PDB file of N, CA and C in Angstrom:
ATOM      1  N   LYS A   1     -46.749   0.222 126.568  1.00  0.00           N
ATOM      2  CA  LYS A   1     -46.745   1.549 125.995  1.00  0.00           C
ATOM      3  C   LYS A   1     -47.012   1.486 124.496  1.00  0.00           C
ATOM      4  N   ASN A   2     -46.364   0.610 123.775  1.00  0.00           N
ATOM      5  CA  ASN A   2     -46.593   0.476 122.336  1.00  0.00           C
ATOM      6  C   ASN A   2     -47.598  -0.637 122.090  1.00  0.00           C
ATOM      7  N   ILE A   3     -48.790  -0.270 121.664  1.00  0.00           N
ATOM      8  CA  ILE A   3     -49.842  -1.239 121.379  1.00  0.00           C
ATOM      9  C   ILE A   3     -49.939  -1.399 119.865  1.00  0.00           C
ATOM     10  N   PHE A   4     -49.821  -2.633 119.376  1.00  0.00           N
ATOM     11  CA  PHE A   4     -49.916  -2.935 117.953  1.00  0.00           C
ATOM     12  C   PHE A   4     -51.229  -3.650 117.675  1.00  0.00           C
ATOM     13  N   TRP A   5     -51.924  -3.222 116.620  1.00  0.00           N
ATOM     14  CA  TRP A   5     -53.151  -3.871 116.157  1.00  0.00           C
ATOM     15  C   TRP A   5     -52.875  -4.368 114.752  1.00  0.00           C
ATOM     16  N   GLN A   6     -53.063  -5.659 114.508  1.00  0.00           N
ATOM     17  CA  GLN A   6     -52.828  -6.240 113.191  1.00  0.00           C
ATOM     18  C   GLN A   6     -54.168  -6.667 112.605  1.00  0.00           C
ATOM     19  N   VAL A   7     -54.461  -6.169 111.392  1.00  0.00           N
ATOM     20  CA  VAL A   7     -55.741  -6.443 110.739  1.00  0.00           C
ATOM     21  C   VAL A   7     -55.470  -7.177 109.432  1.00  0.00           C
ATOM     22  N   SER A   8     -56.185  -8.282 109.201  1.00  0.00           N
ATOM     23  CA  SER A   8     -55.942  -9.066 107.986  1.00  0.00           C
ATOM     24  C   SER A   8     -56.623  -8.470 106.757  1.00  0.00           C
ATOM     25  N   GLY A   9     -57.587  -7.579 106.956  1.00  0.00           N
ATOM     26  CA  GLY A   9     -58.287  -6.941 105.841  1.00  0.00           C
ATOM     27  C   GLY A   9     -58.246  -5.433 106.002  1.00  0.00           C
ATOM     28  N   GLU A  10     -59.327  -4.790 105.614  1.00  0.00           N
ATOM     29  CA  GLU A  10     -59.432  -3.334 105.707  1.00  0.00           C
ATOM     30  C   GLU A  10     -59.875  -2.919 107.102  1.00  0.00           C
ATOM     31  N   ALA A  11     -59.350  -1.791 107.578  1.00  0.00           N
ATOM     32  CA  ALA A  11     -59.757  -1.224 108.865  1.00  0.00           C
ATOM     33  C   ALA A  11     -60.431   0.114 108.602  1.00  0.00           C
ATOM     34  N   THR A  12     -61.624   0.309 109.157  1.00  0.00           N
ATOM     35  CA  THR A  12     -62.356   1.565 108.993  1.00  0.00           C
ATOM     36  C   THR A  12     -62.703   2.122 110.359  1.00  0.00           C
ATOM     37  N   PHE A  13     -62.383   3.400 110.572  1.00  0.00           N
ATOM     38  CA  PHE A  13     -62.709   4.084 111.815  1.00  0.00           C
ATOM     39  C   PHE A  13     -63.841   5.052 111.520  1.00  0.00           C
ATOM     40  N   GLY A  14     -64.949   4.896 112.227  1.00  0.00           N
ATOM     41  CA  GLY A  14     -66.146   5.691 111.986  1.00  0.00           C
ATOM     42  C   GLY A  14     -65.982   7.151 112.368  1.00  0.00           C
ATOM     43  N   ALA A  15     -66.936   7.953 111.909  1.00  0.00           N
ATOM     44  CA  ALA A  15     -66.942   9.389 112.195  1.00  0.00           C
ATOM     45  C   ALA A  15     -66.901   9.617 113.697  1.00  0.00           C
ATOM     46  N   THR A  16     -66.089  10.542 114.110  1.00  0.00           N
ATOM     47  CA  THR A  16     -65.878  10.964 115.502  1.00  0.00           C
ATOM     48  C   THR A  16     -65.285   9.880 116.403  1.00  0.00           C
ATOM     49  N   SER A  17     -64.804   8.770 115.852  1.00  0.00           N
ATOM     50  CA  SER A  17     -64.151   7.756 116.689  1.00  0.00           C
ATOM     51  C   SER A  17     -62.729   8.205 117.035  1.00  0.00           C
ATOM     52  N   HIS A  18     -62.138   7.562 118.045  1.00  0.00           N
ATOM     53  CA  HIS A  18     -60.766   7.871 118.455  1.00  0.00           C
ATOM     54  C   HIS A  18     -60.002   6.562 118.597  1.00  0.00           C
ATOM     55  N   PHE A  19     -58.775   6.524 118.086  1.00  0.00           N
ATOM     56  CA  PHE A  19     -57.942   5.324 118.144  1.00  0.00           C
ATOM     57  C   PHE A  19     -56.559   5.699 118.642  1.00  0.00           C
ATOM     58  N   GLU A  20     -55.963   4.826 119.476  1.00  0.00           N
ATOM     59  CA  GLU A  20     -54.592   5.026 119.938  1.00  0.00           C
ATOM     60  C   GLU A  20     -53.804   3.745 119.738  1.00  0.00           C
ATOM     61  N   GLY A  21     -52.592   3.871 119.212  1.00  0.00           N
ATOM     62  CA  GLY A  21     -51.732   2.716 118.999  1.00  0.00           C
ATOM     63  C   GLY A  21     -51.163   2.713 117.591  1.00  0.00           C
ATOM     64  N   ILE A  22     -50.654   1.557 117.201  1.00  0.00           N
ATOM     65  CA  ILE A  22     -50.078   1.374 115.874  1.00  0.00           C
ATOM     66  C   ILE A  22     -50.909   0.314 115.167  1.00  0.00           C
ATOM     67  N   ILE A  23     -51.494   0.677 114.026  1.00  0.00           N
ATOM     68  CA  ILE A  23     -52.322  -0.281 113.295  1.00  0.00           C
ATOM     69  C   ILE A  23     -51.617  -0.703 112.013  1.00  0.00           C
ATOM     70  N   LEU A  24     -51.569  -2.012 111.788  1.00  0.00           N
ATOM     71  CA  LEU A  24     -50.967  -2.606 110.594  1.00  0.00           C
ATOM     72  C   LEU A  24     -52.081  -3.288 109.822  1.00  0.00           C
ATOM     73  N   SER A  25     -52.275  -2.900 108.561  1.00  0.00           N
ATOM     74  CA  SER A  25     -53.372  -3.460 107.772  1.00  0.00           C
ATOM     75  C   SER A  25     -52.862  -4.114 106.497  1.00  0.00           C
ATOM     76  N   MET A  26     -53.462  -5.268 106.158  1.00  0.00           N
ATOM     77  CA  MET A  26     -53.116  -5.964 104.921  1.00  0.00           C
ATOM     78  C   MET A  26     -53.537  -5.147 103.708  1.00  0.00           C
ATOM     79  N   THR A  27     -54.631  -4.392 103.828  1.00  0.00           N
ATOM     80  CA  THR A  27     -55.112  -3.600 102.690  1.00  0.00           C
ATOM     81  C   THR A  27     -55.164  -2.128 103.088  1.00  0.00           C
ATOM     82  N   ALA A  28     -56.351  -1.554 103.212  1.00  0.00           N
ATOM     83  CA  ALA A  28     -56.488  -0.114 103.441  1.00  0.00           C
ATOM     84  C   ALA A  28     -56.912   0.201 104.873  1.00  0.00           C
ATOM     85  N   ILE A  29     -56.589   1.424 105.288  1.00  0.00           N
ATOM     86  CA  ILE A  29     -57.059   1.976 106.559  1.00  0.00           C
ATOM     87  C   ILE A  29     -57.799   3.253 106.214  1.00  0.00           C
ATOM     88  N   THR A  30     -59.053   3.367 106.666  1.00  0.00           N
ATOM     89  CA  THR A  30     -59.877   4.536 106.361  1.00  0.00           C
ATOM     90  C   THR A  30     -60.313   5.209 107.655  1.00  0.00           C
ATOM     91  N   PHE A  31     -60.076   6.515 107.732  1.00  0.00           N
ATOM     92  CA  PHE A  31     -60.551   7.325 108.849  1.00  0.00           C
ATOM     93  C   PHE A  31     -61.646   8.233 108.310  1.00  0.00           C
ATOM     94  N   GLN A  32     -62.878   8.008 108.745  1.00  0.00           N
ATOM     95  CA  GLN A  32     -63.988   8.828 108.270  1.00  0.00           C
ATOM     96  C   GLN A  32     -63.926  10.212 108.914  1.00  0.00           C
ATOM     97  N   THR A  33     -64.709  11.144 108.387  1.00  0.00           N
ATOM     98  CA  THR A  33     -64.684  12.535 108.820  1.00  0.00           C
ATOM     99  C   THR A  33     -64.808  12.664 110.332  1.00  0.00           C
ATOM    100  N   GLY A  34     -63.871  13.391 110.926  1.00  0.00           N
ATOM    101  CA  GLY A  34     -63.919  13.667 112.354  1.00  0.00           C
ATOM    102  C   GLY A  34     -63.243  12.636 113.239  1.00  0.00           C
ATOM    103  N   ALA A  35     -62.786  11.528 112.687  1.00  0.00           N
ATOM    104  CA  ALA A  35     -62.086  10.518 113.494  1.00  0.00           C
ATOM    105  C   ALA A  35     -60.718  11.068 113.900  1.00  0.00           C
ATOM    106  N   SER A  36     -60.285  10.753 115.114  1.00  0.00           N
ATOM    107  CA  SER A  36     -58.965  11.193 115.574  1.00  0.00           C
ATOM    108  C   SER A  36     -58.105   9.977 115.872  1.00  0.00           C
ATOM    109  N   PHE A  37     -56.801  10.186 115.842  1.00  0.00           N
ATOM    110  CA  PHE A  37     -55.865   9.074 115.905  1.00  0.00           C
ATOM    111  C   PHE A  37     -54.575   9.520 116.571  1.00  0.00           C
ATOM    112  N   ASN A  38     -54.075   8.728 117.510  1.00  0.00           N
ATOM    113  CA  ASN A  38     -52.807   9.012 118.173  1.00  0.00           C
ATOM    114  C   ASN A  38     -51.914   7.793 117.983  1.00  0.00           C
ATOM    115  N   GLY A  39     -50.984   7.866 117.038  1.00  0.00           N
ATOM    116  CA  GLY A  39     -50.110   6.733 116.774  1.00  0.00           C
ATOM    117  C   GLY A  39     -49.670   6.689 115.328  1.00  0.00           C
ATOM    118  N   ARG A  40     -49.652   5.462 114.770  1.00  0.00           N
ATOM    119  CA  ARG A  40     -49.220   5.268 113.385  1.00  0.00           C
ATOM    120  C   ARG A  40     -50.201   4.366 112.656  1.00  0.00           C
ATOM    121  N   ALA A  41     -50.387   4.634 111.372  1.00  0.00           N
ATOM    122  CA  ALA A  41     -51.245   3.812 110.517  1.00  0.00           C
ATOM    123  C   ALA A  41     -50.400   3.336 109.336  1.00  0.00           C
ATOM    124  N   LEU A  42     -50.192   2.022 109.252  1.00  0.00           N
ATOM    125  CA  LEU A  42     -49.359   1.442 108.198  1.00  0.00           C
ATOM    126  C   LEU A  42     -50.189   0.438 107.413  1.00  0.00           C
ATOM    127  N   ALA A  43     -50.332   0.666 106.103  1.00  0.00           N
ATOM    128  CA  ALA A  43     -51.149  -0.206 105.256  1.00  0.00           C
ATOM    129  C   ALA A  43     -50.385  -0.549 103.982  1.00  0.00           C
ATOM    130  N   GLN A  44     -50.687  -1.728 103.405  1.00  0.00           N
ATOM    131  CA  GLN A  44     -50.011  -2.126 102.171  1.00  0.00           C
ATOM    132  C   GLN A  44     -50.558  -1.400 100.946  1.00  0.00           C
ATOM    133  N   THR A  45     -51.811  -0.920 100.995  1.00  0.00           N
ATOM    134  CA  THR A  45     -52.368  -0.252  99.816  1.00  0.00           C
ATOM    135  C   THR A  45     -52.598   1.239 100.028  1.00  0.00           C
ATOM    136  N   ALA A  46     -53.372   1.637 101.047  1.00  0.00           N
ATOM    137  CA  ALA A  46     -53.690   3.057 101.207  1.00  0.00           C
ATOM    138  C   ALA A  46     -54.129   3.382 102.627  1.00  0.00           C
ATOM    139  N   VAL A  47     -53.865   4.632 103.017  1.00  0.00           N
ATOM    140  CA  VAL A  47     -54.424   5.203 104.244  1.00  0.00           C
ATOM    141  C   VAL A  47     -55.244   6.401 103.794  1.00  0.00           C
ATOM    142  N   VAL A  48     -56.559   6.356 104.053  1.00  0.00           N
ATOM    143  CA  VAL A  48     -57.475   7.392 103.581  1.00  0.00           C
ATOM    144  C   VAL A  48     -57.870   8.276 104.761  1.00  0.00           C
ATOM    145  N   LEU A  49     -57.642   9.598 104.603  1.00  0.00           N
ATOM    146  CA  LEU A  49     -57.966  10.572 105.647  1.00  0.00           C
ATOM    147  C   LEU A  49     -58.982  11.570 105.100  1.00  0.00           C
ATOM    148  N   ASP A  50     -59.959  11.926 105.923  1.00  0.00           N
ATOM    149  CA  ASP A  50     -60.986  12.880 105.505  1.00  0.00           C
ATOM    150  C   ASP A  50     -61.320  13.795 106.677  1.00  0.00           C
ATOM    151  N   GLY A  51     -60.577  14.890 106.828  1.00  0.00           N
ATOM    152  CA  GLY A  51     -60.826  15.842 107.911  1.00  0.00           C
ATOM    153  C   GLY A  51     -60.540  15.239 109.276  1.00  0.00           C
ATOM    154  N   ASN A  52     -59.319  14.723 109.470  1.00  0.00           N
ATOM    155  CA  ASN A  52     -58.974  14.016 110.693  1.00  0.00           C
ATOM    156  C   ASN A  52     -57.852  14.700 111.455  1.00  0.00           C
ATOM    157  N   VAL A  53     -57.749  14.375 112.752  1.00  0.00           N
ATOM    158  CA  VAL A  53     -56.652  14.827 113.593  1.00  0.00           C
ATOM    159  C   VAL A  53     -55.784  13.613 113.893  1.00  0.00           C
ATOM    160  N   ILE A  54     -54.492  13.707 113.531  1.00  0.00           N
ATOM    161  CA  ILE A  54     -53.563  12.604 113.776  1.00  0.00           C
ATOM    162  C   ILE A  54     -52.360  13.148 114.533  1.00  0.00           C
ATOM    163  N   VAL A  55     -52.008  12.471 115.633  1.00  0.00           N
ATOM    164  CA  VAL A  55     -50.898  12.894 116.483  1.00  0.00           C
ATOM    165  C   VAL A  55     -49.994  11.699 116.720  1.00  0.00           C
ATOM    166  N   GLU A  56     -48.684  11.925 116.656  1.00  0.00           N
ATOM    167  CA  GLU A  56     -47.737  10.886 117.062  1.00  0.00           C
ATOM    168  C   GLU A  56     -46.861  11.488 118.146  1.00  0.00           C
ATOM    169  N   LYS A  57     -46.937  10.909 119.331  1.00  0.00           N
ATOM    170  CA  LYS A  57     -46.142  11.428 120.454  1.00  0.00           C
ATOM    171  C   LYS A  57     -45.025  10.497 120.786  1.00  0.00           C
TER     172      LYS A  57
END
């Protein structure tokens, strides 16, 4: 049920992409315009959102 993704660098989600789970990033997490996300985004530097839908259930 709880899926964790660990990234050693930056994670970028492209426009209109969809992600589910919990992402842990060493640096930044970027969601480009229109990307959707169901879960949590945890980064040591920044989480960048640009017109996104984020849900935590």
